[in-house]
Amino acid sequence: MENAAAESLRPTVVELTQLPAVRCPCGWARRAFADVPGAPMSVHRVDITEDARAHYHKEHAETYYVLECGTGAAIELNGERVPVGVGTAVMIPPGVRHRALGPMVVLNVVVPPFDPADEFFD
């Protein structure tokens, strides 16, 4: 890594289920590493609810990895419904409108680290 902040990074271990849950457009998120200077990403455990709101990011790319879901679970990407199941990974580039359909739990890797100012709604 080339910059001083990245060179000073130290391994960090968190128990995602022990972090406080915060409301998000998808439901409830437990966010790690967004506050670590120089971190290249943040990692979130997201409990997605039935009322997830479609949104997009101008800067963030996200990767959802489905940990738990029911029959018929899907992710909506720019209006297209894509079926998902446990073990499915979905890479969501900046600018793609997205939301999960059906309750599920995902591990969300956000690059660069999550910033709430980069959430937009139509």
N, C-alpha and C. Protein backbone atom coordinates (compact mmCIF):
# COMPACT_ATOMS: atom_id res chain seq x y z
N MET A 1 0.85 -1.18 0.00
CA MET A 1 0.00 0.00 0.00
C MET A 1 0.89 1.23 0.00
N GLU A 2 0.45 2.25 -0.68
CA GLU A 2 1.35 3.36 -0.91
C GLU A 2 1.20 4.53 0.04
N ASN A 3 0.02 4.79 0.60
CA ASN A 3 -0.10 5.97 1.44
C ASN A 3 0.17 5.63 2.91
N ALA A 4 0.52 6.66 3.66
CA ALA A 4 0.91 6.47 5.07
C ALA A 4 -0.22 5.88 5.91
N ALA A 5 -1.46 6.32 5.66
CA ALA A 5 -2.58 5.79 6.45
C ALA A 5 -2.73 4.29 6.22
N ALA A 6 -2.61 3.86 4.96
CA ALA A 6 -2.74 2.44 4.66
C ALA A 6 -1.58 1.65 5.26
N GLU A 7 -0.39 2.22 5.24
CA GLU A 7 0.77 1.52 5.80
C GLU A 7 0.67 1.37 7.31
N SER A 8 -0.09 2.26 7.97
CA SER A 8 -0.22 2.18 9.42
C SER A 8 -1.39 1.29 9.86
N LEU A 9 -2.11 0.71 8.92
CA LEU A 9 -3.23 -0.17 9.27
C LEU A 9 -2.74 -1.37 10.06
N ARG A 10 -3.51 -1.75 11.03
CA ARG A 10 -3.24 -2.92 11.85
C ARG A 10 -4.42 -3.88 11.72
N PRO A 11 -4.18 -5.16 11.86
CA PRO A 11 -5.31 -6.09 11.84
C PRO A 11 -6.35 -5.69 12.89
N THR A 12 -7.60 -5.77 12.53
CA THR A 12 -8.70 -5.41 13.43
C THR A 12 -9.72 -6.54 13.41
N VAL A 13 -10.16 -6.96 14.58
CA VAL A 13 -11.13 -8.05 14.69
C VAL A 13 -12.37 -7.51 15.40
N VAL A 14 -13.54 -7.77 14.82
CA VAL A 14 -14.80 -7.38 15.45
C VAL A 14 -15.78 -8.55 15.37
N GLU A 15 -16.69 -8.58 16.29
CA GLU A 15 -17.81 -9.53 16.25
C GLU A 15 -19.01 -8.73 15.77
N LEU A 16 -19.36 -8.90 14.50
CA LEU A 16 -20.41 -8.08 13.90
C LEU A 16 -21.72 -8.13 14.67
N THR A 17 -22.07 -9.28 15.22
CA THR A 17 -23.35 -9.38 15.93
C THR A 17 -23.34 -8.61 17.24
N GLN A 18 -22.17 -8.19 17.71
CA GLN A 18 -22.07 -7.43 18.96
C GLN A 18 -22.09 -5.92 18.72
N LEU A 19 -21.97 -5.48 17.47
CA LEU A 19 -22.00 -4.05 17.17
C LEU A 19 -23.44 -3.53 17.26
N PRO A 20 -23.62 -2.24 17.57
CA PRO A 20 -24.98 -1.70 17.62
C PRO A 20 -25.62 -1.69 16.23
N ALA A 21 -26.88 -2.02 16.16
CA ALA A 21 -27.62 -1.99 14.90
C ALA A 21 -28.11 -0.57 14.65
N VAL A 22 -27.95 -0.12 13.41
CA VAL A 22 -28.44 1.20 13.00
C VAL A 22 -29.42 1.02 11.85
N ARG A 23 -30.43 1.87 11.81
CA ARG A 23 -31.44 1.81 10.75
C ARG A 23 -30.78 2.17 9.43
N CYS A 24 -31.16 1.48 8.37
CA CYS A 24 -30.66 1.78 7.03
C CYS A 24 -31.80 1.54 6.04
N PRO A 25 -31.65 1.92 4.76
CA PRO A 25 -32.74 1.73 3.80
C PRO A 25 -33.19 0.28 3.65
N CYS A 26 -32.32 -0.64 4.01
CA CYS A 26 -32.63 -2.07 3.85
C CYS A 26 -33.23 -2.70 5.10
N GLY A 27 -33.03 -2.09 6.23
CA GLY A 27 -33.50 -2.66 7.50
C GLY A 27 -32.60 -2.21 8.64
N TRP A 28 -31.74 -3.13 9.12
CA TRP A 28 -30.84 -2.84 10.23
C TRP A 28 -29.43 -3.30 9.89
N ALA A 29 -28.44 -2.43 10.07
CA ALA A 29 -27.06 -2.76 9.73
C ALA A 29 -26.16 -2.66 10.96
N ARG A 30 -25.21 -3.56 11.01
CA ARG A 30 -24.14 -3.53 12.02
C ARG A 30 -22.86 -3.33 11.21
N ARG A 31 -22.26 -2.14 11.33
CA ARG A 31 -21.18 -1.72 10.43
C ARG A 31 -19.82 -1.74 11.12
N ALA A 32 -18.85 -2.33 10.45
CA ALA A 32 -17.48 -2.40 10.97
C ALA A 32 -16.51 -1.74 10.00
N PHE A 33 -15.49 -1.12 10.55
CA PHE A 33 -14.31 -0.61 9.86
C PHE A 33 -14.50 0.72 9.13
N ALA A 34 -15.70 1.28 9.04
CA ALA A 34 -15.88 2.56 8.35
C ALA A 34 -15.14 3.68 9.07
N ASP A 35 -14.92 3.52 10.37
CA ASP A 35 -14.24 4.56 11.16
C ASP A 35 -12.75 4.29 11.34
N VAL A 36 -12.20 3.28 10.65
CA VAL A 36 -10.77 2.97 10.75
C VAL A 36 -10.03 3.78 9.69
N PRO A 37 -9.18 4.74 10.09
CA PRO A 37 -8.47 5.56 9.11
C PRO A 37 -7.66 4.69 8.14
N GLY A 38 -7.84 4.94 6.85
CA GLY A 38 -7.10 4.21 5.84
C GLY A 38 -7.67 2.87 5.45
N ALA A 39 -8.75 2.45 6.11
CA ALA A 39 -9.35 1.15 5.76
C ALA A 39 -9.85 1.19 4.32
N PRO A 40 -9.61 0.13 3.55
CA PRO A 40 -10.03 0.13 2.15
C PRO A 40 -11.51 -0.17 1.94
N MET A 41 -12.18 -0.67 3.00
CA MET A 41 -13.58 -1.03 2.88
C MET A 41 -14.23 -1.04 4.25
N SER A 42 -15.55 -1.14 4.26
CA SER A 42 -16.26 -1.44 5.51
C SER A 42 -17.05 -2.72 5.27
N VAL A 43 -17.38 -3.41 6.35
CA VAL A 43 -18.11 -4.67 6.29
C VAL A 43 -19.33 -4.54 7.19
N HIS A 44 -20.49 -4.91 6.65
CA HIS A 44 -21.75 -4.76 7.39
C HIS A 44 -22.49 -6.09 7.42
N ARG A 45 -23.06 -6.41 8.55
CA ARG A 45 -24.05 -7.49 8.62
C ARG A 45 -25.40 -6.78 8.59
N VAL A 46 -26.20 -7.07 7.58
CA VAL A 46 -27.46 -6.36 7.38
C VAL A 46 -28.63 -7.33 7.52
N ASP A 47 -29.53 -7.02 8.44
CA ASP A 47 -30.79 -7.75 8.58
C ASP A 47 -31.81 -7.01 7.74
N ILE A 48 -32.09 -7.55 6.57
CA ILE A 48 -32.96 -6.89 5.61
C ILE A 48 -34.41 -7.23 5.91
N THR A 49 -35.24 -6.19 5.93
CA THR A 49 -36.66 -6.34 6.25
C THR A 49 -37.51 -6.29 4.98
N GLU A 50 -38.77 -6.61 5.12
CA GLU A 50 -39.70 -6.61 3.98
C GLU A 50 -39.83 -5.24 3.32
N ASP A 51 -39.60 -4.18 4.08
CA ASP A 51 -39.82 -2.83 3.56
C ASP A 51 -38.53 -2.16 3.07
N ALA A 52 -37.56 -2.93 2.58
CA ALA A 52 -36.31 -2.36 2.07
C ALA A 52 -36.61 -1.36 0.95
N ARG A 53 -35.93 -0.21 0.99
CA ARG A 53 -36.15 0.86 0.01
C ARG A 53 -35.10 0.82 -1.09
N ALA A 54 -35.53 0.98 -2.33
CA ALA A 54 -34.59 1.08 -3.44
C ALA A 54 -33.75 2.34 -3.27
N HIS A 55 -32.46 2.21 -3.50
CA HIS A 55 -31.53 3.33 -3.37
C HIS A 55 -30.31 3.05 -4.24
N TYR A 56 -29.41 4.03 -4.30
CA TYR A 56 -28.17 3.85 -5.05
C TYR A 56 -27.07 4.67 -4.40
N HIS A 57 -25.86 4.42 -4.83
CA HIS A 57 -24.69 5.14 -4.33
C HIS A 57 -23.92 5.68 -5.53
N LYS A 58 -23.40 6.89 -5.42
CA LYS A 58 -22.60 7.47 -6.50
C LYS A 58 -21.14 7.03 -6.42
N GLU A 59 -20.66 6.74 -5.22
CA GLU A 59 -19.25 6.39 -5.03
C GLU A 59 -19.03 4.94 -4.61
N HIS A 60 -19.93 4.40 -3.82
CA HIS A 60 -19.72 3.06 -3.25
C HIS A 60 -20.05 1.95 -4.23
N ALA A 61 -19.20 0.93 -4.24
CA ALA A 61 -19.56 -0.37 -4.80
C ALA A 61 -19.85 -1.27 -3.61
N GLU A 62 -20.84 -2.12 -3.75
CA GLU A 62 -21.20 -3.03 -2.66
C GLU A 62 -21.19 -4.47 -3.18
N THR A 63 -20.82 -5.39 -2.31
CA THR A 63 -20.97 -6.81 -2.60
C THR A 63 -21.80 -7.41 -1.48
N TYR A 64 -22.96 -7.94 -1.85
CA TYR A 64 -23.82 -8.64 -0.90
C TYR A 64 -23.50 -10.13 -0.98
N TYR A 65 -23.33 -10.75 0.18
CA TYR A 65 -23.20 -12.20 0.27
C TYR A 65 -24.34 -12.68 1.17
N VAL A 66 -25.23 -13.49 0.62
CA VAL A 66 -26.44 -13.90 1.34
C VAL A 66 -26.10 -14.98 2.37
N LEU A 67 -26.35 -14.66 3.64
CA LEU A 67 -26.13 -15.59 4.74
C LEU A 67 -27.39 -16.39 5.08
N GLU A 68 -28.54 -15.72 5.04
CA GLU A 68 -29.83 -16.35 5.36
C GLU A 68 -30.90 -15.72 4.48
N CYS A 69 -31.85 -16.53 4.04
CA CYS A 69 -33.00 -16.00 3.31
C CYS A 69 -34.06 -17.08 3.20
N GLY A 70 -35.25 -16.65 2.86
CA GLY A 70 -36.35 -17.58 2.66
C GLY A 70 -36.54 -17.90 1.19
N THR A 71 -37.48 -18.78 0.93
CA THR A 71 -37.84 -19.13 -0.45
C THR A 71 -38.37 -17.89 -1.16
N GLY A 72 -37.95 -17.67 -2.38
CA GLY A 72 -38.42 -16.54 -3.16
C GLY A 72 -37.64 -15.26 -2.94
N ALA A 73 -36.56 -15.31 -2.17
CA ALA A 73 -35.75 -14.11 -1.94
C ALA A 73 -35.13 -13.65 -3.26
N ALA A 74 -34.99 -12.33 -3.39
CA ALA A 74 -34.42 -11.77 -4.62
C ALA A 74 -33.78 -10.43 -4.31
N ILE A 75 -32.98 -9.98 -5.27
CA ILE A 75 -32.42 -8.62 -5.22
C ILE A 75 -32.90 -7.92 -6.48
N GLU A 76 -33.37 -6.70 -6.32
CA GLU A 76 -33.79 -5.90 -7.46
C GLU A 76 -32.62 -5.01 -7.87
N LEU A 77 -32.19 -5.13 -9.13
CA LEU A 77 -31.07 -4.36 -9.66
C LEU A 77 -31.56 -3.57 -10.87
N ASN A 78 -31.63 -2.24 -10.73
CA ASN A 78 -32.17 -1.38 -11.79
C ASN A 78 -33.51 -1.89 -12.29
N GLY A 79 -34.37 -2.30 -11.36
CA GLY A 79 -35.72 -2.74 -11.69
C GLY A 79 -35.85 -4.20 -12.08
N GLU A 80 -34.74 -4.91 -12.25
CA GLU A 80 -34.78 -6.33 -12.62
C GLU A 80 -34.68 -7.20 -11.37
N ARG A 81 -35.61 -8.11 -11.23
CA ARG A 81 -35.63 -9.03 -10.08
C ARG A 81 -34.69 -10.20 -10.37
N VAL A 82 -33.72 -10.41 -9.46
CA VAL A 82 -32.75 -11.49 -9.60
C VAL A 82 -32.88 -12.42 -8.39
N PRO A 83 -33.27 -13.68 -8.60
CA PRO A 83 -33.41 -14.61 -7.47
C PRO A 83 -32.06 -14.84 -6.78
N VAL A 84 -32.09 -14.97 -5.45
CA VAL A 84 -30.88 -15.26 -4.67
C VAL A 84 -31.19 -16.35 -3.65
N GLY A 85 -30.14 -16.98 -3.18
CA GLY A 85 -30.26 -17.98 -2.13
C GLY A 85 -29.05 -17.91 -1.24
N VAL A 86 -29.02 -18.70 -0.19
CA VAL A 86 -27.88 -18.73 0.71
C VAL A 86 -26.63 -19.07 -0.11
N GLY A 87 -25.59 -18.27 0.07
CA GLY A 87 -24.34 -18.47 -0.66
C GLY A 87 -24.21 -17.63 -1.91
N THR A 88 -25.26 -16.92 -2.31
CA THR A 88 -25.20 -16.06 -3.49
C THR A 88 -24.41 -14.79 -3.17
N ALA A 89 -23.54 -14.38 -4.10
CA ALA A 89 -22.83 -13.11 -4.00
C ALA A 89 -23.29 -12.21 -5.14
N VAL A 90 -23.54 -10.94 -4.83
CA VAL A 90 -24.01 -9.97 -5.81
C VAL A 90 -23.13 -8.74 -5.72
N MET A 91 -22.44 -8.38 -6.82
CA MET A 91 -21.63 -7.17 -6.86
C MET A 91 -22.49 -6.05 -7.46
N ILE A 92 -22.58 -4.93 -6.72
CA ILE A 92 -23.44 -3.82 -7.12
C ILE A 92 -22.56 -2.60 -7.35
N PRO A 93 -22.30 -2.23 -8.63
CA PRO A 93 -21.46 -1.07 -8.91
C PRO A 93 -22.16 0.24 -8.53
N PRO A 94 -21.39 1.33 -8.40
CA PRO A 94 -21.99 2.64 -8.16
C PRO A 94 -23.03 2.95 -9.24
N GLY A 95 -24.11 3.62 -8.84
CA GLY A 95 -25.14 4.05 -9.77
C GLY A 95 -26.26 3.06 -10.00
N VAL A 96 -26.12 1.82 -9.53
CA VAL A 96 -27.16 0.81 -9.73
C VAL A 96 -28.20 0.93 -8.62
N ARG A 97 -29.46 1.17 -9.02
CA ARG A 97 -30.56 1.19 -8.04
C ARG A 97 -30.77 -0.24 -7.57
N HIS A 98 -30.89 -0.42 -6.25
CA HIS A 98 -30.99 -1.78 -5.73
C HIS A 98 -31.77 -1.82 -4.43
N ARG A 99 -32.32 -3.01 -4.17
CA ARG A 99 -32.95 -3.32 -2.90
C ARG A 99 -33.15 -4.83 -2.84
N ALA A 100 -33.20 -5.34 -1.63
CA ALA A 100 -33.48 -6.76 -1.43
C ALA A 100 -34.98 -6.94 -1.31
N LEU A 101 -35.45 -8.08 -1.80
CA LEU A 101 -36.88 -8.42 -1.75
C LEU A 101 -37.04 -9.66 -0.89
N GLY A 102 -37.75 -9.50 0.19
CA GLY A 102 -37.93 -10.60 1.13
C GLY A 102 -36.93 -10.47 2.26
N PRO A 103 -37.30 -10.89 3.44
CA PRO A 103 -36.35 -10.78 4.55
C PRO A 103 -35.14 -11.68 4.29
N MET A 104 -33.98 -11.17 4.65
CA MET A 104 -32.74 -11.94 4.52
C MET A 104 -31.66 -11.30 5.37
N VAL A 105 -30.57 -12.01 5.54
CA VAL A 105 -29.39 -11.49 6.23
C VAL A 105 -28.25 -11.57 5.23
N VAL A 106 -27.55 -10.45 5.03
CA VAL A 106 -26.41 -10.43 4.11
C VAL A 106 -25.18 -9.87 4.80
N LEU A 107 -24.04 -10.29 4.30
CA LEU A 107 -22.77 -9.65 4.62
C LEU A 107 -22.52 -8.70 3.47
N ASN A 108 -22.34 -7.42 3.77
CA ASN A 108 -22.18 -6.40 2.75
C ASN A 108 -20.78 -5.81 2.87
N VAL A 109 -19.99 -5.92 1.80
CA VAL A 109 -18.65 -5.32 1.76
C VAL A 109 -18.76 -4.07 0.91
N VAL A 110 -18.40 -2.91 1.48
CA VAL A 110 -18.58 -1.62 0.84
C VAL A 110 -17.21 -1.00 0.56
N VAL A 111 -16.98 -0.61 -0.72
CA VAL A 111 -15.72 0.01 -1.14
C VAL A 111 -16.05 1.29 -1.88
N PRO A 112 -15.47 2.44 -1.51
CA PRO A 112 -14.69 2.70 -0.30
C PRO A 112 -15.58 2.55 0.94
N PRO A 113 -15.00 2.71 2.14
CA PRO A 113 -15.79 2.52 3.36
C PRO A 113 -17.08 3.35 3.34
N PHE A 114 -18.11 2.80 3.94
CA PHE A 114 -19.44 3.41 3.94
C PHE A 114 -19.43 4.84 4.45
N ASP A 115 -20.16 5.69 3.75
CA ASP A 115 -20.41 7.07 4.14
C ASP A 115 -21.90 7.32 3.91
N PRO A 116 -22.67 7.65 4.95
CA PRO A 116 -24.12 7.84 4.77
C PRO A 116 -24.47 8.95 3.80
N ALA A 117 -23.55 9.86 3.50
CA ALA A 117 -23.82 10.92 2.54
C ALA A 117 -23.90 10.37 1.11
N ASP A 118 -23.51 9.11 0.90
CA ASP A 118 -23.53 8.51 -0.43
C ASP A 118 -24.72 7.56 -0.60
N GLU A 119 -25.85 7.87 0.02
CA GLU A 119 -27.09 7.12 -0.18
C GLU A 119 -28.10 8.04 -0.84
N PHE A 120 -28.66 7.61 -1.97
CA PHE A 120 -29.57 8.45 -2.73
C PHE A 120 -30.84 7.67 -3.08
N PHE A 121 -31.95 8.41 -3.16
CA PHE A 121 -33.25 7.82 -3.45
C PHE A 121 -33.88 8.60 -4.60
N ASP A 122 -34.61 7.90 -5.46
CA ASP A 122 -35.30 8.58 -6.57
C ASP A 122 -36.60 9.17 -6.09
